[in-house]
Amino acid sequence: MTATEVRQKVLDIIADIALDDDVTTIDDGVSLREQLDLDSMDFLDIVMELKKRHKVEVPQEDYPKLATMQSCVDYLSPKFQALA
């Protein structure tokens, strides 16, 4: 799976959770929480959707690795590759 495909999967989840936010303008290098109106519960929903939709588990100690879109792609890409 390419980095672009991983990014799109994360964007799809965020779009379903942050309904009022425009995910097309996300800057990959800026904190998602700064760009979007995400609270702690929204973040947990993203993690749970990754598991539910894609069977990708993110341990709690790795949550900081999902701070930006780029860090999400960097962290999740090997996990998606392992599932392929």
PDB file of N, CA and C in Angstrom:
ATOM      1  N   MET A   1       0.845  -1.172   0.000  1.00  0.00           N
ATOM      2  CA  MET A   1       0.000   0.000   0.000  1.00  0.00           C
ATOM      3  C   MET A   1       0.897   1.244   0.000  1.00  0.00           C
ATOM      4  N   THR A   2       0.568   2.190  -0.834  1.00  0.00           N
ATOM      5  CA  THR A   2       1.383   3.394  -0.942  1.00  0.00           C
ATOM      6  C   THR A   2       1.075   4.379   0.187  1.00  0.00           C
ATOM      7  N   ALA A   3       1.977   5.318   0.362  1.00  0.00           N
ATOM      8  CA  ALA A   3       1.770   6.358   1.370  1.00  0.00           C
ATOM      9  C   ALA A   3       0.504   7.154   1.057  1.00  0.00           C
ATOM     10  N   THR A   4       0.233   7.384  -0.212  1.00  0.00           N
ATOM     11  CA  THR A   4      -0.969   8.115  -0.614  1.00  0.00           C
ATOM     12  C   THR A   4      -2.230   7.348  -0.222  1.00  0.00           C
ATOM     13  N   GLU A   5      -2.207   6.032  -0.378  1.00  0.00           N
ATOM     14  CA  GLU A   5      -3.362   5.213  -0.007  1.00  0.00           C
ATOM     15  C   GLU A   5      -3.565   5.207   1.512  1.00  0.00           C
ATOM     16  N   VAL A   6      -2.468   5.118   2.249  1.00  0.00           N
ATOM     17  CA  VAL A   6      -2.563   5.164   3.713  1.00  0.00           C
ATOM     18  C   VAL A   6      -3.126   6.510   4.144  1.00  0.00           C
ATOM     19  N   ARG A   7      -2.614   7.591   3.560  1.00  0.00           N
ATOM     20  CA  ARG A   7      -3.099   8.936   3.879  1.00  0.00           C
ATOM     21  C   ARG A   7      -4.602   9.030   3.631  1.00  0.00           C
ATOM     22  N   GLN A   8      -5.055   8.487   2.498  1.00  0.00           N
ATOM     23  CA  GLN A   8      -6.475   8.562   2.159  1.00  0.00           C
ATOM     24  C   GLN A   8      -7.327   7.786   3.158  1.00  0.00           C
ATOM     25  N   LYS A   9      -6.850   6.648   3.617  1.00  0.00           N
ATOM     26  CA  LYS A   9      -7.596   5.865   4.605  1.00  0.00           C
ATOM     27  C   LYS A   9      -7.754   6.652   5.913  1.00  0.00           C
ATOM     28  N   VAL A  10      -6.683   7.330   6.317  1.00  0.00           N
ATOM     29  CA  VAL A  10      -6.746   8.151   7.534  1.00  0.00           C
ATOM     30  C   VAL A  10      -7.691   9.330   7.306  1.00  0.00           C
ATOM     31  N   LEU A  11      -7.590   9.962   6.152  1.00  0.00           N
ATOM     32  CA  LEU A  11      -8.487  11.085   5.843  1.00  0.00           C
ATOM     33  C   LEU A  11      -9.948  10.651   5.848  1.00  0.00           C
ATOM     34  N   ASP A  12     -10.222   9.475   5.306  1.00  0.00           N
ATOM     35  CA  ASP A  12     -11.608   8.983   5.283  1.00  0.00           C
ATOM     36  C   ASP A  12     -12.157   8.839   6.700  1.00  0.00           C
ATOM     37  N   ILE A  13     -11.326   8.313   7.590  1.00  0.00           N
ATOM     38  CA  ILE A  13     -11.749   8.154   8.981  1.00  0.00           C
ATOM     39  C   ILE A  13     -11.963   9.517   9.632  1.00  0.00           C
ATOM     40  N   ILE A  14     -11.020  10.422   9.446  1.00  0.00           N
ATOM     41  CA  ILE A  14     -11.146  11.761  10.040  1.00  0.00           C
ATOM     42  C   ILE A  14     -12.385  12.469   9.504  1.00  0.00           C
ATOM     43  N   ALA A  15     -12.639  12.337   8.218  1.00  0.00           N
ATOM     44  CA  ALA A  15     -13.813  12.991   7.620  1.00  0.00           C
ATOM     45  C   ALA A  15     -15.109  12.477   8.236  1.00  0.00           C
ATOM     46  N   ASP A  16     -15.143  11.190   8.581  1.00  0.00           N
ATOM     47  CA  ASP A  16     -16.345  10.616   9.205  1.00  0.00           C
ATOM     48  C   ASP A  16     -16.508  11.039  10.657  1.00  0.00           C
ATOM     49  N   ILE A  17     -15.399  11.393  11.306  1.00  0.00           N
ATOM     50  CA  ILE A  17     -15.444  11.774  12.723  1.00  0.00           C
ATOM     51  C   ILE A  17     -15.581  13.285  12.895  1.00  0.00           C
ATOM     52  N   ALA A  18     -14.824  14.033  12.124  1.00  0.00           N
ATOM     53  CA  ALA A  18     -14.839  15.503  12.214  1.00  0.00           C
ATOM     54  C   ALA A  18     -15.702  16.049  11.081  1.00  0.00           C
ATOM     55  N   LEU A  19     -16.981  15.856  11.210  1.00  0.00           N
ATOM     56  CA  LEU A  19     -17.916  16.168  10.123  1.00  0.00           C
ATOM     57  C   LEU A  19     -17.895  17.631   9.691  1.00  0.00           C
ATOM     58  N   ASP A  20     -17.594  18.538  10.604  1.00  0.00           N
ATOM     59  CA  ASP A  20     -17.643  19.966  10.290  1.00  0.00           C
ATOM     60  C   ASP A  20     -16.323  20.508   9.753  1.00  0.00           C
ATOM     61  N   ASP A  21     -15.289  19.667   9.711  1.00  0.00           N
ATOM     62  CA  ASP A  21     -13.970  20.128   9.277  1.00  0.00           C
ATOM     63  C   ASP A  21     -13.704  19.754   7.826  1.00  0.00           C
ATOM     64  N   ASP A  22     -12.955  20.620   7.143  1.00  0.00           N
ATOM     65  CA  ASP A  22     -12.570  20.387   5.759  1.00  0.00           C
ATOM     66  C   ASP A  22     -11.230  19.650   5.750  1.00  0.00           C
ATOM     67  N   VAL A  23     -11.270  18.354   5.493  1.00  0.00           N
ATOM     68  CA  VAL A  23     -10.045  17.555   5.536  1.00  0.00           C
ATOM     69  C   VAL A  23      -9.175  17.739   4.293  1.00  0.00           C
ATOM     70  N   THR A  24      -9.697  18.414   3.274  1.00  0.00           N
ATOM     71  CA  THR A  24      -8.917  18.618   2.049  1.00  0.00           C
ATOM     72  C   THR A  24      -7.811  19.646   2.236  1.00  0.00           C
ATOM     73  N   THR A  25      -7.873  20.408   3.313  1.00  0.00           N
ATOM     74  CA  THR A  25      -6.867  21.454   3.534  1.00  0.00           C
ATOM     75  C   THR A  25      -5.846  21.077   4.595  1.00  0.00           C
ATOM     76  N   ILE A  26      -5.809  19.823   4.987  1.00  0.00           N
ATOM     77  CA  ILE A  26      -4.885  19.397   6.039  1.00  0.00           C
ATOM     78  C   ILE A  26      -3.440  19.537   5.569  1.00  0.00           C
ATOM     79  N   ASP A  27      -2.642  20.205   6.391  1.00  0.00           N
ATOM     80  CA  ASP A  27      -1.203  20.335   6.170  1.00  0.00           C
ATOM     81  C   ASP A  27      -0.550  19.135   6.853  1.00  0.00           C
ATOM     82  N   ASP A  28       0.165  18.338   6.088  1.00  0.00           N
ATOM     83  CA  ASP A  28       0.713  17.085   6.613  1.00  0.00           C
ATOM     84  C   ASP A  28       1.719  17.270   7.741  1.00  0.00           C
ATOM     85  N   GLY A  29       2.327  18.448   7.852  1.00  0.00           N
ATOM     86  CA  GLY A  29       3.351  18.670   8.855  1.00  0.00           C
ATOM     87  C   GLY A  29       2.873  19.351  10.125  1.00  0.00           C
ATOM     88  N   VAL A  30       1.595  19.705  10.179  1.00  0.00           N
ATOM     89  CA  VAL A  30       1.048  20.437  11.329  1.00  0.00           C
ATOM     90  C   VAL A  30       0.155  19.495  12.136  1.00  0.00           C
ATOM     91  N   SER A  31       0.192  19.654  13.443  1.00  0.00           N
ATOM     92  CA  SER A  31      -0.608  18.823  14.343  1.00  0.00           C
ATOM     93  C   SER A  31      -2.068  18.785  13.895  1.00  0.00           C
ATOM     94  N   LEU A  32      -2.611  17.583  13.846  1.00  0.00           N
ATOM     95  CA  LEU A  32      -4.019  17.430  13.463  1.00  0.00           C
ATOM     96  C   LEU A  32      -4.940  18.137  14.445  1.00  0.00           C
ATOM     97  N   ARG A  33      -4.587  18.099  15.719  1.00  0.00           N
ATOM     98  CA  ARG A  33      -5.421  18.764  16.730  1.00  0.00           C
ATOM     99  C   ARG A  33      -5.428  20.278  16.553  1.00  0.00           C
ATOM    100  N   GLU A  34      -4.325  20.841  16.057  1.00  0.00           N
ATOM    101  CA  GLU A  34      -4.277  22.282  15.802  1.00  0.00           C
ATOM    102  C   GLU A  34      -5.121  22.661  14.589  1.00  0.00           C
ATOM    103  N   GLN A  35      -5.174  21.776  13.616  1.00  0.00           N
ATOM    104  CA  GLN A  35      -5.876  22.079  12.362  1.00  0.00           C
ATOM    105  C   GLN A  35      -7.366  21.777  12.418  1.00  0.00           C
ATOM    106  N   LEU A  36      -7.713  20.770  13.191  1.00  0.00           N
ATOM    107  CA  LEU A  36      -9.095  20.308  13.235  1.00  0.00           C
ATOM    108  C   LEU A  36      -9.634  20.441  14.653  1.00  0.00           C
ATOM    109  N   ASP A  37     -10.909  20.432  14.759  1.00  0.00           N
ATOM    110  CA  ASP A  37     -11.556  20.540  16.073  1.00  0.00           C
ATOM    111  C   ASP A  37     -11.684  19.141  16.680  1.00  0.00           C
ATOM    112  N   LEU A  38     -10.516  18.527  16.974  1.00  0.00           N
ATOM    113  CA  LEU A  38     -10.498  17.177  17.531  1.00  0.00           C
ATOM    114  C   LEU A  38     -10.231  17.232  19.028  1.00  0.00           C
ATOM    115  N   ASP A  39     -11.045  16.529  19.783  1.00  0.00           N
ATOM    116  CA  ASP A  39     -10.767  16.391  21.211  1.00  0.00           C
ATOM    117  C   ASP A  39     -10.251  14.980  21.472  1.00  0.00           C
ATOM    118  N   SER A  40     -10.030  14.650  22.706  1.00  0.00           N
ATOM    119  CA  SER A  40      -9.473  13.340  23.056  1.00  0.00           C
ATOM    120  C   SER A  40     -10.376  12.192  22.613  1.00  0.00           C
ATOM    121  N   MET A  41     -11.656  12.373  22.731  1.00  0.00           N
ATOM    122  CA  MET A  41     -12.591  11.324  22.312  1.00  0.00           C
ATOM    123  C   MET A  41     -12.555  11.124  20.798  1.00  0.00           C
ATOM    124  N   ASP A  42     -12.446  12.222  20.058  1.00  0.00           N
ATOM    125  CA  ASP A  42     -12.337  12.113  18.601  1.00  0.00           C
ATOM    126  C   ASP A  42     -11.080  11.338  18.221  1.00  0.00           C
ATOM    127  N   PHE A  43      -9.982  11.635  18.907  1.00  0.00           N
ATOM    128  CA  PHE A  43      -8.735  10.944  18.631  1.00  0.00           C
ATOM    129  C   PHE A  43      -8.882   9.442  18.911  1.00  0.00           C
ATOM    130  N   LEU A  44      -9.513   9.095  20.015  1.00  0.00           N
ATOM    131  CA  LEU A  44      -9.748   7.687  20.321  1.00  0.00           C
ATOM    132  C   LEU A  44     -10.652   7.040  19.276  1.00  0.00           C
ATOM    133  N   ASP A  45     -11.615   7.790  18.775  1.00  0.00           N
ATOM    134  CA  ASP A  45     -12.481   7.272  17.719  1.00  0.00           C
ATOM    135  C   ASP A  45     -11.668   6.951  16.460  1.00  0.00           C
ATOM    136  N   ILE A  46     -10.700   7.789  16.147  1.00  0.00           N
ATOM    137  CA  ILE A  46      -9.838   7.541  14.983  1.00  0.00           C
ATOM    138  C   ILE A  46      -9.072   6.233  15.176  1.00  0.00           C
ATOM    139  N   VAL A  47      -8.489   6.071  16.349  1.00  0.00           N
ATOM    140  CA  VAL A  47      -7.732   4.851  16.651  1.00  0.00           C
ATOM    141  C   VAL A  47      -8.647   3.624  16.576  1.00  0.00           C
ATOM    142  N   MET A  48      -9.844   3.738  17.112  1.00  0.00           N
ATOM    143  CA  MET A  48     -10.777   2.606  17.100  1.00  0.00           C
ATOM    144  C   MET A  48     -11.242   2.277  15.675  1.00  0.00           C
ATOM    145  N   GLU A  49     -11.433   3.298  14.867  1.00  0.00           N
ATOM    146  CA  GLU A  49     -11.827   3.070  13.472  1.00  0.00           C
ATOM    147  C   GLU A  49     -10.705   2.411  12.674  1.00  0.00           C
ATOM    148  N   LEU A  50      -9.459   2.760  12.962  1.00  0.00           N
ATOM    149  CA  LEU A  50      -8.341   2.079  12.308  1.00  0.00           C
ATOM    150  C   LEU A  50      -8.400   0.583  12.589  1.00  0.00           C
ATOM    151  N   LYS A  51      -8.704   0.248  13.819  1.00  0.00           N
ATOM    152  CA  LYS A  51      -8.793  -1.165  14.194  1.00  0.00           C
ATOM    153  C   LYS A  51     -10.018  -1.822  13.554  1.00  0.00           C
ATOM    154  N   LYS A  52     -11.157  -1.142  13.631  1.00  0.00           N
ATOM    155  CA  LYS A  52     -12.414  -1.701  13.131  1.00  0.00           C
ATOM    156  C   LYS A  52     -12.396  -1.872  11.601  1.00  0.00           C
ATOM    157  N   ARG A  53     -11.980  -0.832  10.897  1.00  0.00           N
ATOM    158  CA  ARG A  53     -12.039  -0.857   9.436  1.00  0.00           C
ATOM    159  C   ARG A  53     -10.871  -1.606   8.797  1.00  0.00           C
ATOM    160  N   HIS A  54      -9.692  -1.495   9.409  1.00  0.00           N
ATOM    161  CA  HIS A  54      -8.487  -1.976   8.737  1.00  0.00           C
ATOM    162  C   HIS A  54      -7.676  -2.982   9.543  1.00  0.00           C
ATOM    163  N   LYS A  55      -8.159  -3.343  10.726  1.00  0.00           N
ATOM    164  CA  LYS A  55      -7.459  -4.307  11.586  1.00  0.00           C
ATOM    165  C   LYS A  55      -6.059  -3.828  11.998  1.00  0.00           C
ATOM    166  N   VAL A  56      -5.903  -2.501  12.082  1.00  0.00           N
ATOM    167  CA  VAL A  56      -4.632  -1.900  12.487  1.00  0.00           C
ATOM    168  C   VAL A  56      -4.755  -1.464  13.938  1.00  0.00           C
ATOM    169  N   GLU A  57      -3.903  -2.037  14.787  1.00  0.00           N
ATOM    170  CA  GLU A  57      -3.926  -1.689  16.202  1.00  0.00           C
ATOM    171  C   GLU A  57      -2.827  -0.688  16.514  1.00  0.00           C
ATOM    172  N   VAL A  58      -3.189   0.308  17.314  1.00  0.00           N
ATOM    173  CA  VAL A  58      -2.238   1.323  17.752  1.00  0.00           C
ATOM    174  C   VAL A  58      -2.216   1.300  19.275  1.00  0.00           C
ATOM    175  N   PRO A  59      -1.116   0.817  19.867  1.00  0.00           N
ATOM    176  CA  PRO A  59      -1.037   0.821  21.333  1.00  0.00           C
ATOM    177  C   PRO A  59      -1.033   2.246  21.880  1.00  0.00           C
ATOM    178  N   GLN A  60      -1.549   2.396  23.073  1.00  0.00           N
ATOM    179  CA  GLN A  60      -1.678   3.731  23.666  1.00  0.00           C
ATOM    180  C   GLN A  60      -0.348   4.477  23.709  1.00  0.00           C
ATOM    181  N   GLU A  61       0.749   3.776  23.964  1.00  0.00           N
ATOM    182  CA  GLU A  61       2.048   4.460  24.039  1.00  0.00           C
ATOM    183  C   GLU A  61       2.498   5.009  22.679  1.00  0.00           C
ATOM    184  N   ASP A  62       1.848   4.569  21.597  1.00  0.00           N
ATOM    185  CA  ASP A  62       2.187   5.065  20.260  1.00  0.00           C
ATOM    186  C   ASP A  62       1.278   6.202  19.792  1.00  0.00           C
ATOM    187  N   TYR A  63       0.294   6.583  20.578  1.00  0.00           N
ATOM    188  CA  TYR A  63      -0.618   7.663  20.165  1.00  0.00           C
ATOM    189  C   TYR A  63       0.115   8.939  19.741  1.00  0.00           C
ATOM    190  N   PRO A  64       1.192   9.336  20.423  1.00  0.00           N
ATOM    191  CA  PRO A  64       1.889  10.556  19.981  1.00  0.00           C
ATOM    192  C   PRO A  64       2.450  10.457  18.554  1.00  0.00           C
ATOM    193  N   LYS A  65       2.612   9.246  18.058  1.00  0.00           N
ATOM    194  CA  LYS A  65       3.119   9.057  16.698  1.00  0.00           C
ATOM    195  C   LYS A  65       2.059   9.365  15.642  1.00  0.00           C
ATOM    196  N   LEU A  66       0.857   9.678  16.080  1.00  0.00           N
ATOM    197  CA  LEU A  66      -0.234  10.022  15.172  1.00  0.00           C
ATOM    198  C   LEU A  66      -0.582  11.511  15.257  1.00  0.00           C
ATOM    199  N   ALA A  67       0.378  12.317  15.622  1.00  0.00           N
ATOM    200  CA  ALA A  67       0.124  13.745  15.852  1.00  0.00           C
ATOM    201  C   ALA A  67      -0.161  14.516  14.573  1.00  0.00           C
ATOM    202  N   THR A  68       0.592  14.240  13.513  1.00  0.00           N
ATOM    203  CA  THR A  68       0.406  14.938  12.237  1.00  0.00           C
ATOM    204  C   THR A  68       0.006  13.916  11.179  1.00  0.00           C
ATOM    205  N   MET A  69      -0.462  14.400  10.050  1.00  0.00           N
ATOM    206  CA  MET A  69      -0.808  13.470   8.970  1.00  0.00           C
ATOM    207  C   MET A  69       0.442  12.734   8.500  1.00  0.00           C
ATOM    208  N   GLN A  70       1.565  13.451   8.399  1.00  0.00           N
ATOM    209  CA  GLN A  70       2.797  12.795   7.952  1.00  0.00           C
ATOM    210  C   GLN A  70       3.246  11.726   8.942  1.00  0.00           C
ATOM    211  N   SER A  71       3.161  12.020  10.229  1.00  0.00           N
ATOM    212  CA  SER A  71       3.559  11.014  11.217  1.00  0.00           C
ATOM    213  C   SER A  71       2.589   9.827  11.208  1.00  0.00           C
ATOM    214  N   CYS A  72       1.318  10.072  10.914  1.00  0.00           N
ATOM    215  CA  CYS A  72       0.354   8.978  10.770  1.00  0.00           C
ATOM    216  C   CYS A  72       0.758   8.055   9.619  1.00  0.00           C
ATOM    217  N   VAL A  73       1.063   8.658   8.489  1.00  0.00           N
ATOM    218  CA  VAL A  73       1.454   7.875   7.310  1.00  0.00           C
ATOM    219  C   VAL A  73       2.740   7.102   7.599  1.00  0.00           C
ATOM    220  N   ASP A  74       3.718   7.778   8.195  1.00  0.00           N
ATOM    221  CA  ASP A  74       4.997   7.119   8.505  1.00  0.00           C
ATOM    222  C   ASP A  74       4.802   5.952   9.467  1.00  0.00           C
ATOM    223  N   TYR A  75       3.970   6.138  10.469  1.00  0.00           N
ATOM    224  CA  TYR A  75       3.740   5.109  11.481  1.00  0.00           C
ATOM    225  C   TYR A  75       2.863   3.971  10.951  1.00  0.00           C
ATOM    226  N   LEU A  76       1.808   4.318  10.209  1.00  0.00           N
ATOM    227  CA  LEU A  76       0.831   3.317   9.789  1.00  0.00           C
ATOM    228  C   LEU A  76       1.234   2.531   8.541  1.00  0.00           C
ATOM    229  N   SER A  77       2.050   3.097   7.685  1.00  0.00           N
ATOM    230  CA  SER A  77       2.417   2.409   6.439  1.00  0.00           C
ATOM    231  C   SER A  77       2.964   1.004   6.677  1.00  0.00           C
ATOM    232  N   PRO A  78       3.947   0.819   7.579  1.00  0.00           N
ATOM    233  CA  PRO A  78       4.428  -0.551   7.810  1.00  0.00           C
ATOM    234  C   PRO A  78       3.356  -1.482   8.373  1.00  0.00           C
ATOM    235  N   LYS A  79       2.431  -0.923   9.159  1.00  0.00           N
ATOM    236  CA  LYS A  79       1.359  -1.739   9.727  1.00  0.00           C
ATOM    237  C   LYS A  79       0.407  -2.215   8.630  1.00  0.00           C
ATOM    238  N   PHE A  80       0.094  -1.333   7.678  1.00  0.00           N
ATOM    239  CA  PHE A  80      -0.755  -1.731   6.551  1.00  0.00           C
ATOM    240  C   PHE A  80      -0.017  -2.740   5.671  1.00  0.00           C
ATOM    241  N   GLN A  81       1.285  -2.556   5.485  1.00  0.00           N
ATOM    242  CA  GLN A  81       2.071  -3.505   4.677  1.00  0.00           C
ATOM    243  C   GLN A  81       2.061  -4.886   5.312  1.00  0.00           C
ATOM    244  N   ALA A  82       2.120  -4.949   6.622  1.00  0.00           N
ATOM    245  CA  ALA A  82       2.131  -6.228   7.328  1.00  0.00           C
ATOM    246  C   ALA A  82       0.821  -6.988   7.134  1.00  0.00           C
ATOM    247  N   LEU A  83      -0.260  -6.248   6.901  1.00  0.00           N
ATOM    248  CA  LEU A  83      -1.568  -6.880   6.704  1.00  0.00           C
ATOM    249  C   LEU A  83      -1.764  -7.396   5.285  1.00  0.00           C
ATOM    250  N   ALA A  84      -0.985  -6.870   4.363  1.00  0.00           N
ATOM    251  CA  ALA A  84      -1.149  -7.222   2.936  1.00  0.00           C
ATOM    252  C   ALA A  84      -0.707  -8.635   2.641  1.00  0.00           C
TER     253      ALA A  84
END
